[in-house]
């Protein structure tokens, strides 16, 4: 299947919103522009096989260069030939008509340099000449001692169809960037609202006795732990480290969703707000995956159309144009990074994770937490060995741990009592009573 048909099929199959589809690269229209560029070059005797031949440098010299002036807002393609005093491109094997055309351009340039006038109005319409010894040195590796250096001129070939092609492409990239900015702002807003919803459903009440029984704190901690394990958009694994593509992200998102179902987390929710919040969270991630998919297929469309442009013109735009727009949001894939950063800061941080509060010695929760002068925190049993005592307890942190990790604190307290009994009465303290 040709890419044009495949591109349209994907746009329909993915059920993208209408405004997304309207902003997609108009691949068919750009193909028509390429045909006009090809025809325009052919009229000048600059068929692809001729330009391909001229691209081969001889002794470091290049006959022509296709580049872009201006900036990302005002893209201006330029086809420039390096010619001698007689108007003939150096080392060029062109048709007699093309040579005559370039000689006419060179003659007009010489006339202007001598203070003369352009011979006819048609010359004004057809010619746009560029003269610069500095620019000429960029096209050809000249020997400073070469007496003929000053005889070389740069002549710009006026084209119109290529300007139309790149104007359309640049405007569509601009539209895609506008759409991306709009979608990112909407998702950022959704994350902030979702953060408030989860906080209400999961944050412990001020009455610590109701902490476990009245909130979904532990369910959301389990959900976020699974989410981190999934690594939906970014992987920290050695084999596939870095940002994921949309297909892999979708696969990981499906794994995360399946895990929440198989573990029965939905059935364990105690607050209906949590069910609503979980559905919103899944939709948010799916929206980001869709945005990634839409970006990827449009980036592929841009690469394909530039490849086709070069195939039929041999101008080498596939290298020059992406360099011009490098760093633009459309190519930089910054959206997923920004959204994941927001999720980490405003959603995952709502539910404190146990791994952030473990004692570095016993690898259990740091309760009662002893904060040393160096600000390191240990549980009280390990800190005693370091000549710290209950006077070093961080009471604010102790209350925080009671509030957000009540089950772990209770288990730690029980274990501390058991270990204290062993210290006082020996290993037999931990044995079962024979009488009982």
Protein backbone atom coordinates (compact mmCIF):
# COMPACT_ATOMS: atom_id res chain seq x y z
CA UNK A 1 0.00 0.00 0.00
CA UNK A 2 1.36 3.43 -0.93
CA UNK A 3 2.07 5.70 2.00
CA UNK A 4 -0.56 8.28 0.99
CA UNK A 5 -3.31 5.65 1.31
CA UNK A 6 -1.75 4.19 4.44
CA UNK A 7 -1.56 7.65 6.02
CA UNK A 8 -5.25 8.34 5.37
CA UNK A 9 -6.20 4.87 6.60
CA UNK A 10 -4.39 5.40 9.91
CA UNK A 11 -6.04 8.80 10.41
CA UNK A 12 -9.44 7.14 10.03
CA UNK A 13 -8.70 3.93 11.93
CA UNK A 14 -7.35 5.66 15.05
CA UNK A 15 -10.54 7.72 15.52
CA UNK A 16 -8.61 10.92 16.01
CA UNK A 17 -10.73 14.03 16.71
CA UNK A 18 -11.84 15.94 13.63
CA UNK A 19 -9.68 18.98 14.42
CA UNK A 20 -6.65 16.68 14.66
CA UNK A 21 -7.31 15.18 11.24
CA UNK A 22 -7.81 18.66 9.76
CA UNK A 23 -4.36 19.65 11.07
CA UNK A 24 -2.56 16.61 9.63
CA UNK A 25 0.07 16.91 6.90
CA UNK A 26 -1.71 17.28 3.52
CA UNK A 27 0.37 14.59 1.85
CA UNK A 28 -1.63 14.54 -1.39
CA UNK A 29 -1.45 18.32 -1.91
CA UNK A 30 2.29 18.32 -1.30
CA UNK A 31 2.74 15.54 -3.88
CA UNK A 32 1.10 17.79 -6.48
CA UNK A 33 3.52 20.59 -5.57
CA UNK A 34 6.45 18.23 -6.14
CA UNK A 35 5.23 17.56 -9.68
CA UNK A 36 5.21 21.30 -10.38
CA UNK A 37 8.74 21.67 -8.97
CA UNK A 38 9.91 18.81 -11.20
CA UNK A 39 8.32 20.43 -14.26
CA UNK A 40 9.84 23.81 -13.45
CA UNK A 41 13.32 22.31 -13.11
CA UNK A 42 12.87 20.33 -16.32
CA UNK A 43 12.06 23.52 -18.23
CA UNK A 44 15.46 24.83 -17.13
CA UNK A 45 17.21 21.62 -18.18
CA UNK A 46 17.83 20.64 -14.56
CA UNK A 47 16.45 17.12 -14.49
CA UNK A 48 17.16 14.94 -11.41
CA UNK A 49 19.86 12.88 -13.13
CA UNK A 50 21.72 16.06 -14.09
CA UNK A 51 21.55 17.51 -10.58
CA UNK A 52 22.63 14.18 -9.12
CA UNK A 53 25.65 14.31 -11.39
CA UNK A 54 26.44 17.87 -10.29
CA UNK A 55 26.27 16.86 -6.63
CA UNK A 56 29.47 14.85 -7.10
CA UNK A 57 32.29 17.15 -6.10
CA UNK A 58 35.43 17.48 -8.19
CA UNK A 59 38.55 18.47 -6.28
CA UNK A 60 36.39 19.74 -3.40
CA UNK A 61 34.23 21.92 -5.64
CA UNK A 62 30.42 21.87 -5.64
CA UNK A 63 28.53 23.16 -8.62
CA UNK A 64 25.31 24.07 -6.81
CA UNK A 65 23.73 24.28 -3.38
CA UNK A 66 20.10 24.09 -2.27
CA UNK A 67 19.55 25.77 1.06
CA UNK A 68 17.02 27.72 3.10
CA UNK A 69 17.31 31.38 3.95
CA UNK A 70 15.29 33.11 6.64
CA UNK A 71 14.09 31.24 9.71
CA UNK A 72 11.40 28.78 10.76
CA UNK A 73 8.78 31.50 10.36
CA UNK A 74 9.88 32.66 6.90
CA UNK A 75 11.20 29.67 5.00
CA UNK A 76 12.88 30.76 1.76
CA UNK A 77 14.44 28.00 -0.38
CA UNK A 78 17.32 29.01 -2.66
CA UNK A 79 18.97 27.13 -5.53
CA UNK A 80 22.37 28.68 -6.22
CA UNK A 81 24.92 27.76 -8.92
CA UNK A 82 28.61 28.61 -8.84
CA UNK A 83 29.65 29.81 -12.28
CA UNK A 84 32.74 31.16 -13.94
CA UNK A 85 33.11 34.51 -15.63
CA UNK A 86 31.57 33.09 -18.79
CA UNK A 87 28.48 31.93 -16.86
CA UNK A 88 29.27 28.23 -17.19
CA UNK A 89 29.00 26.19 -13.96
CA UNK A 90 32.36 24.76 -12.96
CA UNK A 91 32.81 21.14 -14.02
CA UNK A 92 29.20 21.09 -15.24
CA UNK A 93 27.94 18.98 -18.11
CA UNK A 94 24.65 20.68 -18.86
CA UNK A 95 22.50 20.97 -21.93
CA UNK A 96 23.17 23.89 -24.25
CA UNK A 97 19.84 25.48 -23.23
CA UNK A 98 20.71 25.33 -19.53
CA UNK A 99 24.18 26.72 -20.14
CA UNK A 100 22.68 29.56 -22.18
CA UNK A 101 20.23 30.30 -19.34
CA UNK A 102 23.04 30.47 -16.79
CA UNK A 103 25.17 32.58 -19.10
CA UNK A 104 22.28 35.03 -19.39
CA UNK A 105 22.06 35.19 -15.59
CA UNK A 106 25.81 35.74 -15.28
CA UNK A 107 25.78 38.43 -17.97
CA UNK A 108 23.00 40.29 -16.14
CA UNK A 109 25.01 40.09 -12.92
CA UNK A 110 28.11 41.50 -14.64
CA UNK A 111 26.03 44.33 -16.09
CA UNK A 112 24.68 45.22 -12.66
CA UNK A 113 28.18 45.17 -11.17
CA UNK A 114 29.38 47.66 -13.81
CA UNK A 115 26.49 49.96 -13.01
CA UNK A 116 24.51 48.97 -16.07
CA UNK A 117 20.79 48.31 -16.30
CA UNK A 118 18.74 45.15 -16.85
CA UNK A 119 18.06 44.69 -20.54
CA UNK A 120 14.35 43.87 -20.27
CA UNK A 121 11.45 43.65 -17.87
CA UNK A 122 11.37 39.91 -18.37
CA UNK A 123 14.80 39.74 -16.79
CA UNK A 124 13.40 41.41 -13.67
CA UNK A 125 10.65 38.80 -13.49
CA UNK A 126 12.94 35.83 -14.06
CA UNK A 127 16.19 36.69 -12.32
CA UNK A 128 17.22 37.03 -8.72
CA UNK A 129 20.97 37.23 -8.42
CA UNK A 130 23.15 36.71 -5.36
CA UNK A 131 26.74 37.85 -5.30
CA UNK A 132 29.03 37.23 -2.34
CA UNK A 133 32.67 36.16 -2.30
CA UNK A 134 32.18 34.85 1.26
CA UNK A 135 29.25 32.68 0.21
CA UNK A 136 31.09 31.49 -2.86
CA UNK A 137 33.87 30.15 -0.65
CA UNK A 138 31.26 28.03 1.15
CA UNK A 139 30.33 26.31 -2.11
CA UNK A 140 33.81 25.58 -3.35
CA UNK A 141 37.11 24.83 -1.62
CA UNK A 142 39.16 27.55 -3.22
CA UNK A 143 42.88 28.06 -2.99
CA UNK A 144 43.50 31.63 -1.71
CA UNK A 145 46.38 31.92 -4.16
CA UNK A 146 44.19 31.01 -7.13
CA UNK A 147 44.10 33.97 -9.46
CA UNK A 148 40.74 32.85 -10.85
CA UNK A 149 38.96 33.05 -7.48
CA UNK A 150 37.55 36.48 -8.16
CA UNK A 151 36.16 35.27 -11.48
CA UNK A 152 33.62 32.96 -9.76
CA UNK A 153 30.09 34.19 -9.30
CA UNK A 154 27.01 32.87 -7.50
CA UNK A 155 23.80 32.84 -9.51
CA UNK A 156 20.45 32.05 -7.93
CA UNK A 157 17.94 30.14 -10.04
CA UNK A 158 14.49 31.63 -9.46
CA UNK A 159 11.95 28.93 -8.65
CA UNK A 160 8.36 29.34 -7.46
CA UNK A 161 6.89 25.87 -7.04
CA UNK A 162 9.40 24.87 -4.35
CA UNK A 163 8.55 27.99 -2.34
CA UNK A 164 4.89 26.97 -2.47
CA UNK A 165 5.77 23.44 -1.33
CA UNK A 166 7.75 24.55 1.72
CA UNK A 167 5.29 27.31 2.62
CA UNK A 168 2.50 24.71 2.80
CA UNK A 169 4.67 22.28 4.76
CA UNK A 170 5.84 24.93 7.22
CA UNK A 171 2.30 26.20 7.82
CA UNK A 172 1.08 22.67 8.50
CA UNK A 173 3.91 22.05 10.94
CA UNK A 174 2.95 25.32 12.64
CA UNK A 175 -0.67 24.13 12.87
CA UNK A 176 0.48 20.83 14.39
CA UNK A 177 2.53 22.71 16.97
CA UNK A 178 -0.48 24.89 17.84
CA UNK A 179 -2.63 21.78 18.24
CA UNK A 180 0.04 20.14 20.38
CA UNK A 181 0.26 23.19 22.64
CA UNK A 182 -3.53 23.23 23.02
CA UNK A 183 -3.70 19.51 23.87
CA UNK A 184 -0.85 19.78 26.33
CA UNK A 185 -2.56 22.68 28.15
CA UNK A 186 -5.79 20.67 28.42
CA UNK A 187 -3.96 17.65 29.83
CA UNK A 188 -2.04 19.82 32.28
CA UNK A 189 -5.34 21.18 33.55
CA UNK A 190 -6.82 17.67 33.81
CA UNK A 191 -3.82 16.50 35.85
CA UNK A 192 -4.23 19.34 38.34
CA UNK A 193 -7.94 18.56 38.76
CA UNK A 194 -7.26 14.83 39.04
CA UNK A 195 -4.65 15.48 41.70
CA UNK A 196 -7.25 17.21 43.85
CA UNK A 197 -9.72 14.35 43.33
CA UNK A 198 -7.21 11.67 44.32
CA UNK A 199 -6.07 13.69 47.29
CA UNK A 200 -9.65 13.82 48.60
CA UNK A 201 -10.18 10.11 48.06
CA UNK A 202 -6.85 8.93 49.48
CA UNK A 203 -5.60 11.44 52.04
CA UNK A 204 -6.02 10.25 55.64
CA UNK A 205 -8.44 12.16 57.82
CA UNK A 206 -7.23 14.12 60.80
CA UNK A 207 -8.66 11.41 63.02
CA UNK A 208 -5.87 8.83 62.74
CA UNK A 209 -8.19 6.08 63.96
CA UNK A 210 -10.16 6.45 60.73
CA UNK A 211 -7.09 6.54 58.43
CA UNK A 212 -7.29 3.00 57.07
CA UNK A 213 -11.00 2.40 57.32
CA UNK A 214 -12.29 5.56 55.64
CA UNK A 215 -9.95 6.25 52.70
CA UNK A 216 -8.44 4.53 49.67
CA UNK A 217 -4.89 5.44 50.61
CA UNK A 218 -3.49 1.94 50.24
CA UNK A 219 -5.39 1.23 47.03
CA UNK A 220 -3.98 4.33 45.35
CA UNK A 221 -0.50 3.52 46.65
CA UNK A 222 -0.82 0.13 45.00
CA UNK A 223 -2.09 1.72 41.77
CA UNK A 224 0.80 4.18 41.58
CA UNK A 225 3.30 1.45 42.40
CA UNK A 226 1.97 -0.54 39.41
CA UNK A 227 2.10 2.61 37.28
CA UNK A 228 5.77 3.15 38.09
CA UNK A 229 6.51 -0.51 37.36
CA UNK A 230 4.78 -0.22 33.97
CA UNK A 231 7.05 2.59 32.80
CA UNK A 232 4.44 3.46 30.21
CA UNK A 233 6.15 6.40 28.52
CA UNK A 234 9.74 6.08 29.72
CA UNK A 235 11.83 3.03 30.53
CA UNK A 236 14.65 2.87 33.06
CA UNK A 237 15.66 -0.64 31.99
CA UNK A 238 19.13 -1.06 30.59
CA UNK A 239 17.98 -2.76 27.38
CA UNK A 240 15.32 -0.20 26.36
CA UNK A 241 16.29 2.86 28.35
CA UNK A 242 14.64 6.15 27.38
CA UNK A 243 11.42 7.38 25.83
CA UNK A 244 9.03 4.80 24.38
CA UNK A 245 7.18 5.04 21.09
CA UNK A 246 3.37 5.09 21.02
CA UNK A 247 3.03 1.36 20.24
CA UNK A 248 5.14 0.33 23.24
CA UNK A 249 3.45 2.92 25.45
CA UNK A 250 0.03 1.49 24.51
CA UNK A 251 1.22 -2.03 25.31
CA UNK A 252 2.48 -0.92 28.73
CA UNK A 253 -0.71 1.02 29.43
CA UNK A 254 -2.77 -2.10 28.66
CA UNK A 255 -0.57 -4.09 31.07
CA UNK A 256 -1.16 -1.51 33.79
CA UNK A 257 -4.92 -1.51 33.20
CA UNK A 258 -5.04 -5.33 33.22
CA UNK A 259 -3.08 -5.47 36.48
CA UNK A 260 -5.49 -3.15 38.26
CA UNK A 261 -8.35 -5.38 37.14
CA UNK A 262 -6.71 -8.72 37.93
CA UNK A 263 -5.77 -7.55 41.43
CA UNK A 264 -9.36 -6.48 42.06
CA UNK A 265 -8.38 -2.95 43.05
CA UNK A 266 -11.63 -1.48 41.73
CA UNK A 267 -13.67 -3.83 43.90
CA UNK A 268 -11.67 -2.81 46.97
CA UNK A 269 -12.34 0.92 46.60
CA UNK A 270 -14.25 2.34 49.55
CA UNK A 271 -15.09 5.66 47.94
CA UNK A 272 -16.91 6.11 44.64
CA UNK A 273 -14.70 9.13 43.93
CA UNK A 274 -11.80 6.71 43.55
CA UNK A 275 -13.57 4.79 40.77
CA UNK A 276 -14.20 8.02 38.89
CA UNK A 277 -10.61 9.19 39.44
CA UNK A 278 -9.14 5.90 38.20
CA UNK A 279 -11.18 6.08 34.99
CA UNK A 280 -10.00 9.67 34.47
CA UNK A 281 -6.41 8.61 35.07
CA UNK A 282 -6.64 5.85 32.46
CA UNK A 283 -8.26 8.20 29.93
CA UNK A 284 -5.56 10.80 30.54
CA UNK A 285 -2.85 8.27 29.73
CA UNK A 286 -4.75 7.05 26.68
CA UNK A 287 -5.04 10.62 25.41
CA UNK A 288 -1.29 11.07 25.72
CA UNK A 289 -0.71 7.82 23.81
CA UNK A 290 -3.05 9.08 21.06
CA UNK A 291 -1.17 12.37 20.87
CA UNK A 292 2.11 10.49 20.56
CA UNK A 293 0.67 8.34 17.76
CA UNK A 294 -0.61 11.40 15.91
CA UNK A 295 2.77 13.12 16.22
CA UNK A 296 4.61 10.05 14.99
CA UNK A 297 2.55 9.50 11.85
CA UNK A 298 2.81 13.19 10.93
CA UNK A 299 6.56 13.14 11.49
CA UNK A 300 6.71 10.07 9.23
CA UNK A 301 4.59 11.90 6.65
CA UNK A 302 7.00 14.84 6.70
CA UNK A 303 10.01 12.55 6.27
CA UNK A 304 8.31 10.63 3.45
CA UNK A 305 7.27 13.75 1.52
CA UNK A 306 10.77 15.24 1.81
CA UNK A 307 12.22 11.95 0.58
CA UNK A 308 9.82 12.06 -2.39
CA UNK A 309 10.76 15.71 -3.02
CA UNK A 310 14.43 14.73 -3.28
CA UNK A 311 13.65 11.70 -5.42
CA UNK A 312 11.96 13.82 -8.10
CA UNK A 313 14.16 16.93 -7.83
CA UNK A 314 17.57 15.77 -6.45
CA UNK A 315 17.82 19.05 -4.51
CA UNK A 316 18.69 17.49 -1.14
CA UNK A 317 15.92 19.11 0.93
CA UNK A 318 15.57 16.09 3.23
CA UNK A 319 18.74 17.15 5.05
CA UNK A 320 18.45 20.94 4.89
CA UNK A 321 14.80 21.43 5.89
CA UNK A 322 14.77 19.36 9.14
CA UNK A 323 17.93 21.22 10.18
CA UNK A 324 16.07 24.51 9.76
CA UNK A 325 13.17 23.45 11.99
CA UNK A 326 15.23 21.39 14.46
CA UNK A 327 14.21 22.07 18.05
CA UNK A 328 10.61 22.87 17.18
CA UNK A 329 8.06 21.16 19.49
CA UNK A 330 6.73 19.08 16.59
CA UNK A 331 10.10 17.35 16.21
CA UNK A 332 11.39 17.49 19.78
CA UNK A 333 8.71 15.21 21.30
CA UNK A 334 8.60 17.37 24.41
CA UNK A 335 4.92 16.80 25.09
CA UNK A 336 5.21 13.37 26.70
CA UNK A 337 8.13 14.58 28.83
CA UNK A 338 6.16 17.59 30.06
CA UNK A 339 3.03 15.56 30.86
CA UNK A 340 4.97 12.80 32.63
CA UNK A 341 6.77 15.42 34.70
CA UNK A 342 3.41 16.93 35.66
CA UNK A 343 2.00 13.49 36.56
CA UNK A 344 5.01 12.78 38.76
CA UNK A 345 4.84 16.13 40.54
CA UNK A 346 1.09 16.50 41.00
CA UNK A 347 -0.32 12.95 41.03
CA UNK A 348 2.26 10.45 42.19
CA UNK A 349 3.44 12.81 44.92
CA UNK A 350 -0.09 12.89 46.38
CA UNK A 351 0.51 9.38 47.73
CA UNK A 352 3.82 9.05 49.64
CA UNK A 353 5.71 5.89 48.71
CA UNK A 354 7.20 3.61 51.37
CA UNK A 355 10.52 3.38 49.50
CA UNK A 356 11.16 7.06 50.29
CA UNK A 357 10.98 6.47 54.07
CA UNK A 358 13.00 3.30 54.65
CA UNK A 359 15.80 3.07 57.17
CA UNK A 360 19.08 2.63 55.22
CA UNK A 361 20.27 0.00 57.73
CA UNK A 362 17.33 -2.35 58.32
CA UNK A 363 15.42 -1.40 55.12
CA UNK A 364 12.18 -1.14 57.06
CA UNK A 365 10.12 1.97 57.74
CA UNK A 366 12.10 4.55 59.72
CA UNK A 367 9.97 4.54 62.87
CA UNK A 368 10.61 6.03 65.33
CA UNK A 369 12.65 8.30 63.01
CA UNK A 370 15.93 9.61 64.42
CA UNK A 371 17.34 12.56 62.49
CA UNK A 372 21.07 13.05 62.94
CA UNK A 373 22.88 16.37 62.68
CA UNK A 374 23.85 15.44 59.11
CA UNK A 375 20.07 15.19 58.38
CA UNK A 376 20.21 11.44 57.66
CA UNK A 377 17.25 9.54 59.12
CA UNK A 378 17.33 6.09 60.78
CA UNK A 379 14.84 4.09 62.79
CA UNK A 380 15.40 4.35 66.55
CA UNK A 381 16.92 0.89 67.00
CA UNK A 382 19.69 1.51 64.46
CA UNK A 383 20.29 5.06 65.63
CA UNK A 384 21.01 3.90 69.23
CA UNK A 385 24.11 2.20 67.87
CA UNK A 386 25.14 5.58 66.48
CA UNK A 387 24.95 7.19 69.93
CA UNK A 388 21.63 8.90 69.25
CA UNK A 389 18.58 8.60 71.49
CA UNK A 390 14.91 9.52 71.74
CA UNK A 391 15.93 13.17 72.04
CA UNK A 392 16.78 13.07 68.33
CA UNK A 393 13.33 11.90 67.24
CA UNK A 394 11.86 13.89 64.37
CA UNK A 395 8.33 14.21 65.76
CA UNK A 396 6.91 15.87 62.63
CA UNK A 397 8.14 12.99 60.50
CA UNK A 398 6.90 10.48 63.08
CA UNK A 399 3.39 11.93 62.87
CA UNK A 400 3.59 11.96 59.08
CA UNK A 401 4.50 8.28 59.00
CA UNK A 402 1.66 7.42 61.40
CA UNK A 403 -0.75 9.25 59.13
CA UNK A 404 0.32 7.85 55.75
CA UNK A 405 1.79 4.46 56.74
CA UNK A 406 -0.34 3.30 59.68
CA UNK A 407 -0.08 -0.43 58.94
CA UNK A 408 3.69 -0.30 58.49
CA UNK A 409 4.16 1.79 61.64
CA UNK A 410 2.04 -0.64 63.67
CA UNK A 411 4.06 -3.61 62.38
CA UNK A 412 7.31 -1.77 63.11
CA UNK A 413 6.23 -0.92 66.66
CA UNK A 414 5.35 -4.57 67.26
CA UNK A 415 8.71 -5.68 65.86
CA UNK A 416 10.58 -3.12 67.98
CA UNK A 417 8.90 -4.50 71.13
CA UNK A 418 9.85 -8.03 70.15
CA UNK A 419 13.47 -7.06 69.54
CA UNK A 420 13.59 -5.10 72.79
CA UNK A 421 12.39 -8.22 74.65
CA UNK A 422 15.11 -10.30 73.02
CA UNK A 423 17.69 -7.71 74.06
CA UNK A 424 16.43 -7.86 77.67
CA UNK A 425 15.67 -11.56 78.11
CA UNK A 426 17.60 -13.34 75.37
CA UNK A 427 16.54 -15.37 72.35
CA UNK A 428 14.13 -17.42 74.45
CA UNK A 429 11.85 -14.35 74.63
CA UNK A 430 10.92 -14.93 71.00
CA UNK A 431 10.03 -18.59 71.58
CA UNK A 432 6.53 -19.86 72.07
CA UNK A 433 5.48 -20.49 75.64
CA UNK A 434 5.58 -24.27 76.36
CA UNK A 435 2.81 -23.93 78.95
CA UNK A 436 0.46 -22.19 76.55
